Amino acid sequence: PYECSSEIEARTKIDKLISQKKWPCYFSASDTSGEKDT
């Protein structure tokens, strides 16, 4: 996994990272309705 800082970075780097056997991931804080933290 290759952690990106934004959705845009994750989308734009996909081809380059895959060629390096890496995969773009974007993980962020949960901020949507109805999501329990546990």
Full PDB file with SEQRES, HELIX, SHEET, SSBOND, CRYST1, ORIGX, SCALE, CONECT and MASTER records, all heavy atoms in Angstrom:
SEQRES   1 A   38  PRO TYR GLU CYS SER SER GLU ILE GLU ALA ARG THR LYS          
SEQRES   2 A   38  ILE ASP LYS LEU ILE SER GLN LYS LYS TRP PRO CYS TYR          
SEQRES   3 A   38  PHE SER ALA SER ASP THR SER GLY GLU LYS ASP THR              
HELIX    1 AA1 GLU A    7  THR A   12  1                                   6    
HELIX    2 AA2 ILE A   14  SER A   19  1                                   6    
SHEET    1 AA1 2 TYR A   2  GLU A   3  0                                        
SHEET    2 AA1 2 PRO A  24  CYS A  25  1                                        
CRYST1    1.000    1.000    1.000  90.00  90.00  90.00 P 1           1          
ORIGX1      1.000000  0.000000  0.000000        0.00000                         
ORIGX2      0.000000  1.000000  0.000000        0.00000                         
ORIGX3      0.000000  0.000000  1.000000        0.00000                         
SCALE1      1.000000  0.000000  0.000000        0.00000                         
SCALE2      0.000000  1.000000  0.000000        0.00000                         
SCALE3      0.000000  0.000000  1.000000        0.00000                         
ATOM      1  N   PRO A   1       0.825  -1.210   0.000  1.00  0.00           N  
ATOM      2  CA  PRO A   1       0.000   0.000   0.000  1.00  0.00           C  
ATOM      3  C   PRO A   1       0.859   1.260   0.000  1.00  0.00           C  
ATOM      4  O   PRO A   1       1.915   1.303   0.633  1.00  0.00           O  
ATOM      5  CB  PRO A   1      -0.791  -0.119   1.302  1.00  0.00           C  
ATOM      6  CG  PRO A   1       0.037  -0.995   2.177  1.00  0.00           C  
ATOM      7  CD  PRO A   1       0.742  -1.947   1.275  1.00  0.00           C  
ATOM      8  N   TYR A   2       0.402   2.273  -0.733  1.00  0.00           N  
ATOM      9  CA  TYR A   2       1.078   3.568  -0.761  1.00  0.00           C  
ATOM     10  C   TYR A   2       0.048   4.598  -0.312  1.00  0.00           C  
ATOM     11  O   TYR A   2      -0.943   4.853  -1.008  1.00  0.00           O  
ATOM     12  CB  TYR A   2       1.580   3.880  -2.168  1.00  0.00           C  
ATOM     13  CG  TYR A   2       2.269   5.219  -2.298  1.00  0.00           C  
ATOM     14  CD1 TYR A   2       3.654   5.326  -2.159  1.00  0.00           C  
ATOM     15  CD2 TYR A   2       1.538   6.385  -2.555  1.00  0.00           C  
ATOM     16  CE1 TYR A   2       4.289   6.559  -2.276  1.00  0.00           C  
ATOM     17  CE2 TYR A   2       2.165   7.620  -2.662  1.00  0.00           C  
ATOM     18  CZ  TYR A   2       3.542   7.701  -2.519  1.00  0.00           C  
ATOM     19  OH  TYR A   2       4.175   8.927  -2.630  1.00  0.00           O  
ATOM     20  N   GLU A   3       0.257   5.165   0.866  1.00  0.00           N  
ATOM     21  CA  GLU A   3      -0.721   6.095   1.412  1.00  0.00           C  
ATOM     22  C   GLU A   3      -0.596   7.471   0.777  1.00  0.00           C  
ATOM     23  O   GLU A   3       0.475   8.079   0.787  1.00  0.00           O  
ATOM     24  CB  GLU A   3      -0.575   6.191   2.934  1.00  0.00           C  
ATOM     25  CG  GLU A   3      -1.034   4.924   3.637  1.00  0.00           C  
ATOM     26  CD  GLU A   3      -1.533   5.187   5.045  1.00  0.00           C  
ATOM     27  OE1 GLU A   3      -2.092   6.281   5.289  1.00  0.00           O  
ATOM     28  OE2 GLU A   3      -1.361   4.296   5.884  1.00  0.00           O  
ATOM     29  N   CYS A   4      -1.708   7.959   0.238  1.00  0.00           N  
ATOM     30  CA  CYS A   4      -1.762   9.268  -0.405  1.00  0.00           C  
ATOM     31  C   CYS A   4      -2.415  10.282   0.531  1.00  0.00           C  
ATOM     32  O   CYS A   4      -3.133   9.919   1.466  1.00  0.00           O  
ATOM     33  CB  CYS A   4      -2.546   9.173  -1.715  1.00  0.00           C  
ATOM     34  SG  CYS A   4      -1.817   8.044  -2.926  1.00  0.00           S  
ATOM     35  N   SER A   5      -2.170  11.536   0.248  1.00  0.00           N  
ATOM     36  CA  SER A   5      -2.674  12.603   1.119  1.00  0.00           C  
ATOM     37  C   SER A   5      -4.023  13.151   0.668  1.00  0.00           C  
ATOM     38  O   SER A   5      -4.632  13.965   1.359  1.00  0.00           O  
ATOM     39  CB  SER A   5      -1.666  13.754   1.189  1.00  0.00           C  
ATOM     40  OG  SER A   5      -1.430  14.279  -0.110  1.00  0.00           O  
ATOM     41  N   SER A   6      -4.505  12.716  -0.508  1.00  0.00           N  
ATOM     42  CA  SER A   6      -5.794  13.192  -1.013  1.00  0.00           C  
ATOM     43  C   SER A   6      -6.352  12.205  -2.036  1.00  0.00           C  
ATOM     44  O   SER A   6      -5.627  11.350  -2.566  1.00  0.00           O  
ATOM     45  CB  SER A   6      -5.640  14.568  -1.676  1.00  0.00           C  
ATOM     46  OG  SER A   6      -4.880  14.460  -2.875  1.00  0.00           O  
ATOM     47  N   GLU A   7      -7.636  12.336  -2.325  1.00  0.00           N  
ATOM     48  CA  GLU A   7      -8.251  11.523  -3.365  1.00  0.00           C  
ATOM     49  C   GLU A   7      -7.612  11.806  -4.718  1.00  0.00           C  
ATOM     50  O   GLU A   7      -7.368  10.887  -5.510  1.00  0.00           O  
ATOM     51  CB  GLU A   7      -9.758  11.802  -3.437  1.00  0.00           C  
ATOM     52  CG  GLU A   7     -10.558  11.292  -2.255  1.00  0.00           C  
ATOM     53  CD  GLU A   7     -12.053  11.466  -2.459  1.00  0.00           C  
ATOM     54  OE1 GLU A   7     -12.454  11.918  -3.560  1.00  0.00           O  
ATOM     55  OE2 GLU A   7     -12.824  11.145  -1.536  1.00  0.00           O  
ATOM     56  N   ILE A   8      -7.341  13.078  -4.971  1.00  0.00           N  
ATOM     57  CA  ILE A   8      -6.759  13.460  -6.260  1.00  0.00           C  
ATOM     58  C   ILE A   8      -5.398  12.802  -6.461  1.00  0.00           C  
ATOM     59  O   ILE A   8      -5.098  12.255  -7.533  1.00  0.00           O  
ATOM     60  CB  ILE A   8      -6.635  15.001  -6.364  1.00  0.00           C  
ATOM     61  CG1 ILE A   8      -8.030  15.645  -6.381  1.00  0.00           C  
ATOM     62  CG2 ILE A   8      -5.844  15.398  -7.601  1.00  0.00           C  
ATOM     63  CD1 ILE A   8      -8.014  17.152  -6.329  1.00  0.00           C  
ATOM     64  N   GLU A   9      -4.549  12.840  -5.433  1.00  0.00           N  
ATOM     65  CA  GLU A   9      -3.238  12.197  -5.539  1.00  0.00           C  
ATOM     66  C   GLU A   9      -3.391  10.704  -5.808  1.00  0.00           C  
ATOM     67  O   GLU A   9      -2.679  10.133  -6.651  1.00  0.00           O  
ATOM     68  CB  GLU A   9      -2.439  12.405  -4.254  1.00  0.00           C  
ATOM     69  CG  GLU A   9      -1.041  11.767  -4.321  1.00  0.00           C  
ATOM     70  CD  GLU A   9      -0.301  11.787  -2.997  1.00  0.00           C  
ATOM     71  OE1 GLU A   9      -0.889  12.209  -1.983  1.00  0.00           O  
ATOM     72  OE2 GLU A   9       0.879  11.352  -2.980  1.00  0.00           O  
ATOM     73  N   ALA A  10      -4.331  10.068  -5.116  1.00  0.00           N  
ATOM     74  CA  ALA A  10      -4.535   8.625  -5.284  1.00  0.00           C  
ATOM     75  C   ALA A  10      -4.974   8.297  -6.713  1.00  0.00           C  
ATOM     76  O   ALA A  10      -4.510   7.306  -7.297  1.00  0.00           O  
ATOM     77  CB  ALA A  10      -5.568   8.127  -4.279  1.00  0.00           C  
ATOM     78  N   ARG A  11      -5.847   9.128  -7.276  1.00  0.00           N  
ATOM     79  CA  ARG A  11      -6.324   8.861  -8.634  1.00  0.00           C  
ATOM     80  C   ARG A  11      -5.244   9.108  -9.680  1.00  0.00           C  
ATOM     81  O   ARG A  11      -5.102   8.352 -10.639  1.00  0.00           O  
ATOM     82  CB  ARG A  11      -7.560   9.716  -8.939  1.00  0.00           C  
ATOM     83  CG  ARG A  11      -8.838   9.219  -8.281  1.00  0.00           C  
ATOM     84  CD  ARG A  11     -10.064   9.907  -8.871  1.00  0.00           C  
ATOM     85  NE  ARG A  11     -10.079  11.341  -8.544  1.00  0.00           N  
ATOM     86  CZ  ARG A  11     -10.695  11.870  -7.488  1.00  0.00           C  
ATOM     87  NH1 ARG A  11     -11.336  11.077  -6.641  1.00  0.00           N  
ATOM     88  NH2 ARG A  11     -10.681  13.167  -7.281  1.00  0.00           N  
ATOM     89  N   THR A  12      -4.478  10.169  -9.503  1.00  0.00           N  
ATOM     90  CA  THR A  12      -3.500  10.556 -10.535  1.00  0.00           C  
ATOM     91  C   THR A  12      -2.246   9.686 -10.532  1.00  0.00           C  
ATOM     92  O   THR A  12      -1.565   9.568 -11.549  1.00  0.00           O  
ATOM     93  CB  THR A  12      -3.099  12.028 -10.370  1.00  0.00           C  
ATOM     94  OG1 THR A  12      -2.606  12.244  -9.039  1.00  0.00           O  
ATOM     95  CG2 THR A  12      -4.282  12.941 -10.625  1.00  0.00           C  
ATOM     96  N   LYS A  13      -1.924   9.058  -9.421  1.00  0.00           N  
ATOM     97  CA  LYS A  13      -0.689   8.269  -9.336  1.00  0.00           C  
ATOM     98  C   LYS A  13      -0.889   6.772  -9.578  1.00  0.00           C  
ATOM     99  O   LYS A  13       0.063   5.998  -9.483  1.00  0.00           O  
ATOM    100  CB  LYS A  13      -0.043   8.462  -7.958  1.00  0.00           C  
ATOM    101  CG  LYS A  13       0.592   9.827  -7.758  1.00  0.00           C  
ATOM    102  CD  LYS A  13       1.331   9.890  -6.432  1.00  0.00           C  
ATOM    103  CE  LYS A  13       2.083  11.218  -6.271  1.00  0.00           C  
ATOM    104  NZ  LYS A  13       2.807  11.299  -4.979  1.00  0.00           N  
ATOM    105  N   ILE A  14      -2.108   6.374  -9.903  1.00  0.00           N  
ATOM    106  CA  ILE A  14      -2.432   4.958  -9.971  1.00  0.00           C  
ATOM    107  C   ILE A  14      -1.527   4.178 -10.927  1.00  0.00           C  
ATOM    108  O   ILE A  14      -0.955   3.143 -10.563  1.00  0.00           O  
ATOM    109  CB  ILE A  14      -3.933   4.753 -10.317  1.00  0.00           C  
ATOM    110  CG1 ILE A  14      -4.302   3.264 -10.290  1.00  0.00           C  
ATOM    111  CG2 ILE A  14      -4.309   5.385 -11.636  1.00  0.00           C  
ATOM    112  CD1 ILE A  14      -4.451   2.674  -8.950  1.00  0.00           C  
ATOM    113  N   ASP A  15      -1.366   4.644 -12.159  1.00  0.00           N  
ATOM    114  CA  ASP A  15      -0.593   3.890 -13.153  1.00  0.00           C  
ATOM    115  C   ASP A  15       0.886   3.803 -12.776  1.00  0.00           C  
ATOM    116  O   ASP A  15       1.508   2.738 -12.880  1.00  0.00           O  
ATOM    117  CB  ASP A  15      -0.741   4.533 -14.538  1.00  0.00           C  
ATOM    118  CG  ASP A  15      -2.161   4.393 -15.090  1.00  0.00           C  
ATOM    119  OD1 ASP A  15      -2.825   3.393 -14.741  1.00  0.00           O  
ATOM    120  OD2 ASP A  15      -2.604   5.275 -15.844  1.00  0.00           O  
ATOM    121  N   LYS A  16       1.436   4.922 -12.332  1.00  0.00           N  
ATOM    122  CA  LYS A  16       2.852   4.943 -11.958  1.00  0.00           C  
ATOM    123  C   LYS A  16       3.128   4.010 -10.779  1.00  0.00           C  
ATOM    124  O   LYS A  16       4.105   3.237 -10.794  1.00  0.00           O  
ATOM    125  CB  LYS A  16       3.268   6.374 -11.606  1.00  0.00           C  
ATOM    126  CG  LYS A  16       4.737   6.511 -11.213  1.00  0.00           C  
ATOM    127  CD  LYS A  16       5.070   7.952 -10.870  1.00  0.00           C  
ATOM    128  CE  LYS A  16       6.538   8.078 -10.444  1.00  0.00           C  
ATOM    129  NZ  LYS A  16       6.876   9.497 -10.096  1.00  0.00           N  
ATOM    130  N   LEU A  17       2.273   4.047  -9.775  1.00  0.00           N  
ATOM    131  CA  LEU A  17       2.493   3.230  -8.588  1.00  0.00           C  
ATOM    132  C   LEU A  17       2.320   1.741  -8.880  1.00  0.00           C  
ATOM    133  O   LEU A  17       3.087   0.902  -8.387  1.00  0.00           O  
ATOM    134  CB  LEU A  17       1.534   3.656  -7.469  1.00  0.00           C  
ATOM    135  CG  LEU A  17       1.842   5.015  -6.819  1.00  0.00           C  
ATOM    136  CD1 LEU A  17       0.709   5.444  -5.903  1.00  0.00           C  
ATOM    137  CD2 LEU A  17       3.151   4.951  -6.041  1.00  0.00           C  
ATOM    138  N   ILE A  18       1.335   1.399  -9.694  1.00  0.00           N  
ATOM    139  CA  ILE A  18       1.114  -0.011 -10.019  1.00  0.00           C  
ATOM    140  C   ILE A  18       2.341  -0.595 -10.722  1.00  0.00           C  
ATOM    141  O   ILE A  18       2.710  -1.750 -10.471  1.00  0.00           O  
ATOM    142  CB  ILE A  18      -0.151  -0.174 -10.888  1.00  0.00           C  
ATOM    143  CG1 ILE A  18      -1.399   0.054 -10.035  1.00  0.00           C  
ATOM    144  CG2 ILE A  18      -0.197  -1.563 -11.535  1.00  0.00           C  
ATOM    145  CD1 ILE A  18      -2.711  -0.015 -10.801  1.00  0.00           C  
ATOM    146  N   SER A  19       2.958   0.191 -11.561  1.00  0.00           N  
ATOM    147  CA  SER A  19       4.163  -0.290 -12.262  1.00  0.00           C  
ATOM    148  C   SER A  19       5.311  -0.569 -11.293  1.00  0.00           C  
ATOM    149  O   SER A  19       6.244  -1.312 -11.618  1.00  0.00           O  
ATOM    150  CB  SER A  19       4.606   0.741 -13.313  1.00  0.00           C  
ATOM    151  OG  SER A  19       5.072   1.938 -12.695  1.00  0.00           O  
ATOM    152  N   GLN A  20       5.243   0.014 -10.100  1.00  0.00           N  
ATOM    153  CA  GLN A  20       6.265  -0.186  -9.066  1.00  0.00           C  
ATOM    154  C   GLN A  20       5.803  -1.209  -8.016  1.00  0.00           C  
ATOM    155  O   GLN A  20       6.412  -1.330  -6.952  1.00  0.00           O  
ATOM    156  CB  GLN A  20       6.568   1.151  -8.378  1.00  0.00           C  
ATOM    157  CG  GLN A  20       7.093   2.223  -9.318  1.00  0.00           C  
ATOM    158  CD  GLN A  20       7.167   3.602  -8.652  1.00  0.00           C  
ATOM    159  OE1 GLN A  20       6.850   3.759  -7.467  1.00  0.00           O  
ATOM    160  NE2 GLN A  20       7.589   4.601  -9.413  1.00  0.00           N  
ATOM    161  N   LYS A  21       4.725  -1.944  -8.317  1.00  0.00           N  
ATOM    162  CA  LYS A  21       4.137  -2.933  -7.401  1.00  0.00           C  
ATOM    163  C   LYS A  21       3.670  -2.276  -6.093  1.00  0.00           C  
ATOM    164  O   LYS A  21       3.715  -2.866  -5.012  1.00  0.00           O  
ATOM    165  CB  LYS A  21       5.116  -4.072  -7.094  1.00  0.00           C  
ATOM    166  CG  LYS A  21       5.582  -4.835  -8.331  1.00  0.00           C  
ATOM    167  CD  LYS A  21       4.403  -5.493  -9.062  1.00  0.00           C  
ATOM    168  CE  LYS A  21       3.849  -6.679  -8.314  1.00  0.00           C  
ATOM    169  NZ  LYS A  21       2.765  -7.391  -9.062  1.00  0.00           N  
ATOM    170  N   LYS A  22       3.190  -1.043  -6.228  1.00  0.00           N  
ATOM    171  CA  LYS A  22       2.579  -0.334  -5.113  1.00  0.00           C  
ATOM    172  C   LYS A  22       1.141   0.008  -5.495  1.00  0.00           C  
ATOM    173  O   LYS A  22       0.805   0.076  -6.679  1.00  0.00           O  
ATOM    174  CB  LYS A  22       3.349   0.945  -4.785  1.00  0.00           C  
ATOM    175  CG  LYS A  22       4.791   0.704  -4.350  1.00  0.00           C  
ATOM    176  CD  LYS A  22       5.510   2.029  -4.101  1.00  0.00           C  
ATOM    177  CE  LYS A  22       6.966   1.790  -3.702  1.00  0.00           C  
ATOM    178  NZ  LYS A  22       7.695   3.069  -3.491  1.00  0.00           N  
ATOM    179  N   TRP A  23       0.305   0.230  -4.469  1.00  0.00           N  
ATOM    180  CA  TRP A  23      -1.093   0.551  -4.759  1.00  0.00           C  
ATOM    181  C   TRP A  23      -1.516   1.780  -3.954  1.00  0.00           C  
ATOM    182  O   TRP A  23      -1.354   1.821  -2.733  1.00  0.00           O  
ATOM    183  CB  TRP A  23      -2.011  -0.620  -4.391  1.00  0.00           C  
ATOM    184  CG  TRP A  23      -3.284  -0.602  -5.199  1.00  0.00           C  
ATOM    185  CD1 TRP A  23      -4.410   0.090  -4.926  1.00  0.00           C  
ATOM    186  CD2 TRP A  23      -3.515  -1.284  -6.433  1.00  0.00           C  
ATOM    187  NE1 TRP A  23      -5.349  -0.106  -5.910  1.00  0.00           N  
ATOM    188  CE2 TRP A  23      -4.829  -0.956  -6.845  1.00  0.00           C  
ATOM    189  CE3 TRP A  23      -2.747  -2.151  -7.231  1.00  0.00           C  
ATOM    190  CZ2 TRP A  23      -5.388  -1.469  -8.013  1.00  0.00           C  
ATOM    191  CZ3 TRP A  23      -3.313  -2.648  -8.391  1.00  0.00           C  
ATOM    192  CH2 TRP A  23      -4.614  -2.311  -8.778  1.00  0.00           C  
ATOM    193  N   PRO A  24      -2.067   2.792  -4.656  1.00  0.00           N  
ATOM    194  CA  PRO A  24      -2.460   4.015  -3.948  1.00  0.00           C  
ATOM    195  C   PRO A  24      -3.660   3.792  -3.033  1.00  0.00           C  
ATOM    196  O   PRO A  24      -4.643   3.157  -3.414  1.00  0.00           O  
ATOM    197  CB  PRO A  24      -2.822   4.982  -5.083  1.00  0.00           C  
ATOM    198  CG  PRO A  24      -3.195   4.105  -6.227  1.00  0.00           C  
ATOM    199  CD  PRO A  24      -2.344   2.873  -6.106  1.00  0.00           C  
ATOM    200  N   CYS A  25      -3.569   4.296  -1.809  1.00  0.00           N  
ATOM    201  CA  CYS A  25      -4.648   4.208  -0.827  1.00  0.00           C  
ATOM    202  C   CYS A  25      -4.860   5.584  -0.209  1.00  0.00           C  
ATOM    203  O   CYS A  25      -3.896   6.311   0.055  1.00  0.00           O  
ATOM    204  CB  CYS A  25      -4.294   3.221   0.291  1.00  0.00           C  
ATOM    205  SG  CYS A  25      -3.985   1.536  -0.260  1.00  0.00           S  
ATOM    206  N   TYR A  26      -6.105   5.926   0.003  1.00  0.00           N  
ATOM    207  CA  TYR A  26      -6.405   7.170   0.704  1.00  0.00           C  
ATOM    208  C   TYR A  26      -7.351   6.871   1.863  1.00  0.00           C  
ATOM    209  O   TYR A  26      -8.505   6.489   1.663  1.00  0.00           O  
ATOM    210  CB  TYR A  26      -7.047   8.192  -0.232  1.00  0.00           C  
ATOM    211  CG  TYR A  26      -7.470   9.459   0.497  1.00  0.00           C  
ATOM    212  CD1 TYR A  26      -6.518  10.258   1.136  1.00  0.00           C  
ATOM    213  CD2 TYR A  26      -8.803   9.835   0.582  1.00  0.00           C  
ATOM    214  CE1 TYR A  26      -6.886  11.402   1.825  1.00  0.00           C  
ATOM    215  CE2 TYR A  26      -9.191  10.985   1.260  1.00  0.00           C  
ATOM    216  CZ  TYR A  26      -8.221  11.758   1.885  1.00  0.00           C  
ATOM    217  OH  TYR A  26      -8.589  12.889   2.568  1.00  0.00           O  
ATOM    218  N   PHE A  27      -6.843   6.995   3.066  1.00  0.00           N  
ATOM    219  CA  PHE A  27      -7.635   6.767   4.271  1.00  0.00           C  
ATOM    220  C   PHE A  27      -7.774   8.076   5.030  1.00  0.00           C  
ATOM    221  O   PHE A  27      -6.799   8.803   5.218  1.00  0.00           O  
ATOM    222  CB  PHE A  27      -6.982   5.704   5.148  1.00  0.00           C  
ATOM    223  CG  PHE A  27      -6.936   4.348   4.491  1.00  0.00           C  
ATOM    224  CD1 PHE A  27      -5.753   3.864   3.945  1.00  0.00           C  
ATOM    225  CD2 PHE A  27      -8.075   3.574   4.390  1.00  0.00           C  
ATOM    226  CE1 PHE A  27      -5.708   2.627   3.326  1.00  0.00           C  
ATOM    227  CE2 PHE A  27      -8.049   2.332   3.776  1.00  0.00           C  
ATOM    228  CZ  PHE A  27      -6.864   1.857   3.244  1.00  0.00           C  
ATOM    229  N   SER A  28      -8.998   8.353   5.461  1.00  0.00           N  
ATOM    230  CA  SER A  28      -9.278   9.630   6.132  1.00  0.00           C  
ATOM    231  C   SER A  28     -10.198   9.404   7.324  1.00  0.00           C  
ATOM    232  O   SER A  28     -10.764   8.321   7.505  1.00  0.00           O  
ATOM    233  CB  SER A  28      -9.931  10.603   5.146  1.00  0.00           C  
ATOM    234  OG  SER A  28     -11.140  10.052   4.624  1.00  0.00           O  
ATOM    235  N   ALA A  29     -10.347  10.438   8.127  1.00  0.00           N  
ATOM    236  CA  ALA A  29     -11.202  10.355   9.312  1.00  0.00           C  
ATOM    237  C   ALA A  29     -12.662  10.159   8.904  1.00  0.00           C  
ATOM    238  O   ALA A  29     -13.117  10.717   7.899  1.00  0.00           O  
ATOM    239  CB  ALA A  29     -11.051  11.610  10.151  1.00  0.00           C  
ATOM    240  N   SER A  30     -13.380   9.361   9.678  1.00  0.00           N  
ATOM    241  CA  SER A  30     -14.798   9.151   9.421  1.00  0.00           C  
ATOM    242  C   SER A  30     -15.580  10.406   9.800  1.00  0.00           C  
ATOM    243  O   SER A  30     -15.507  10.873  10.935  1.00  0.00           O  
ATOM    244  CB  SER A  30     -15.299   7.957  10.236  1.00  0.00           C  
ATOM    245  OG  SER A  30     -16.686   7.786  10.063  1.00  0.00           O  
ATOM    246  N   ASP A  31     -16.325  10.948   8.835  1.00  0.00           N  
ATOM    247  CA  ASP A  31     -17.066  12.183   9.101  1.00  0.00           C  
ATOM    248  C   ASP A  31     -18.463  12.150   8.484  1.00  0.00           C  
ATOM    249  O   ASP A  31     -19.067  13.180   8.224  1.00  0.00           O  
ATOM    250  CB  ASP A  31     -16.298  13.403   8.574  1.00  0.00           C  
ATOM    251  CG  ASP A  31     -16.013  13.326   7.079  1.00  0.00           C  
ATOM    252  OD1 ASP A  31     -16.357  12.295   6.450  1.00  0.00           O  
ATOM    253  OD2 ASP A  31     -15.449  14.294   6.533  1.00  0.00           O  
ATOM    254  N   THR A  32     -18.977  10.942   8.244  1.00  0.00           N  
ATOM    255  CA  THR A  32     -20.298  10.809   7.640  1.00  0.00           C  
ATOM    256  C   THR A  32     -21.330  10.370   8.678  1.00  0.00           C  
ATOM    257  O   THR A  32     -20.996   9.795   9.709  1.00  0.00           O  
ATOM    258  CB  THR A  32     -20.270   9.789   6.485  1.00  0.00           C  
ATOM    259  OG1 THR A  32     -19.735   8.550   6.957  1.00  0.00           O  
ATOM    260  CG2 THR A  32     -19.406  10.312   5.343  1.00  0.00           C  
ATOM    261  N   SER A  33     -22.592  10.630   8.370  1.00  0.00           N  
ATOM    262  CA  SER A  33     -23.675  10.343   9.310  1.00  0.00           C  
ATOM    263  C   SER A  33     -23.775   8.856   9.631  1.00  0.00           C  
ATOM    264  O   SER A  33     -23.612   8.001   8.760  1.00  0.00           O  
ATOM    265  CB  SER A  33     -25.011  10.822   8.731  1.00  0.00           C  
ATOM    266  OG  SER A  33     -25.020  12.218   8.574  1.00  0.00           O  
ATOM    267  N   GLY A  34     -24.061   8.567  10.903  1.00  0.00           N  
ATOM    268  CA  GLY A  34     -24.403   7.214  11.309  1.00  0.00           C  
ATOM    269  C   GLY A  34     -23.267   6.232  11.460  1.00  0.00           C  
ATOM    270  O   GLY A  34     -23.502   5.037  11.609  1.00  0.00           O  
ATOM    271  N   GLU A  35     -22.026   6.709  11.453  1.00  0.00           N  
ATOM    272  CA  GLU A  35     -20.885   5.792  11.548  1.00  0.00           C  
ATOM    273  C   GLU A  35     -20.399   5.681  12.990  1.00  0.00           C  
ATOM    274  O   GLU A  35     -19.888   6.639  13.563  1.00  0.00           O  
ATOM    275  CB  GLU A  35     -19.741   6.248  10.638  1.00  0.00           C  
ATOM    276  CG  GLU A  35     -20.008   6.070   9.156  1.00  0.00           C  
ATOM    277  CD  GLU A  35     -20.119   4.612   8.749  1.00  0.00           C  
ATOM    278  OE1 GLU A  35     -19.557   3.739   9.442  1.00  0.00           O  
ATOM    279  OE2 GLU A  35     -20.776   4.339   7.729  1.00  0.00           O  
ATOM    280  N   LYS A  36     -20.548   4.503  13.564  1.00  0.00           N  
ATOM    281  CA  LYS A  36     -20.054   4.225  14.909  1.00  0.00           C  
ATOM    282  C   LYS A  36     -18.555   3.967  14.850  1.00  0.00           C  
ATOM    283  O   LYS A  36     -18.070   3.338  13.912  1.00  0.00           O  
ATOM    284  CB  LYS A  36     -20.756   2.974  15.452  1.00  0.00           C  
ATOM    285  CG  LYS A  36     -21.538   3.155  16.732  1.00  0.00           C  
ATOM    286  CD  LYS A  36     -22.178   1.834  17.129  1.00  0.00           C  
ATOM    287  CE  LYS A  36     -22.905   1.967  18.452  1.00  0.00           C  
ATOM    288  NZ  LYS A  36     -23.567   0.699  18.812  1.00  0.00           N  
ATOM    289  N   ASP A  37     -17.806   4.412  15.867  1.00  0.00           N  
ATOM    290  CA  ASP A  37     -16.363   4.194  15.836  1.00  0.00           C  
ATOM    291  C   ASP A  37     -15.981   2.810  16.349  1.00  0.00           C  
ATOM    292  O   ASP A  37     -14.835   2.385  16.214  1.00  0.00           O  
ATOM    293  CB  ASP A  37     -15.621   5.279  16.626  1.00  0.00           C  
ATOM    294  CG  ASP A  37     -16.059   5.344  18.089  1.00  0.00           C  
ATOM    295  OD1 ASP A  37     -16.979   4.594  18.462  1.00  0.00           O  
ATOM    296  OD2 ASP A  37     -15.481   6.145  18.835  1.00  0.00           O  
ATOM    297  N   THR A  38     -16.940   2.085  16.944  1.00  0.00           N  
ATOM    298  CA  THR A  38     -16.677   0.715  17.393  1.00  0.00           C  
ATOM    299  C   THR A  38     -17.968  -0.075  17.288  1.00  0.00           C  
ATOM    300  O   THR A  38     -18.999   0.442  16.858  1.00  0.00           O  
ATOM    301  CB  THR A  38     -16.137   0.689  18.828  1.00  0.00           C  
ATOM    302  OG1 THR A  38     -15.717  -0.639  19.156  1.00  0.00           O  
ATOM    303  CG2 THR A  38     -17.180   1.162  19.816  1.00  0.00           C  
TER     304      THR A  38                                                      
MASTER        0    0    0    2    2    0    0    6  303    1    0    3          
END                                                                             
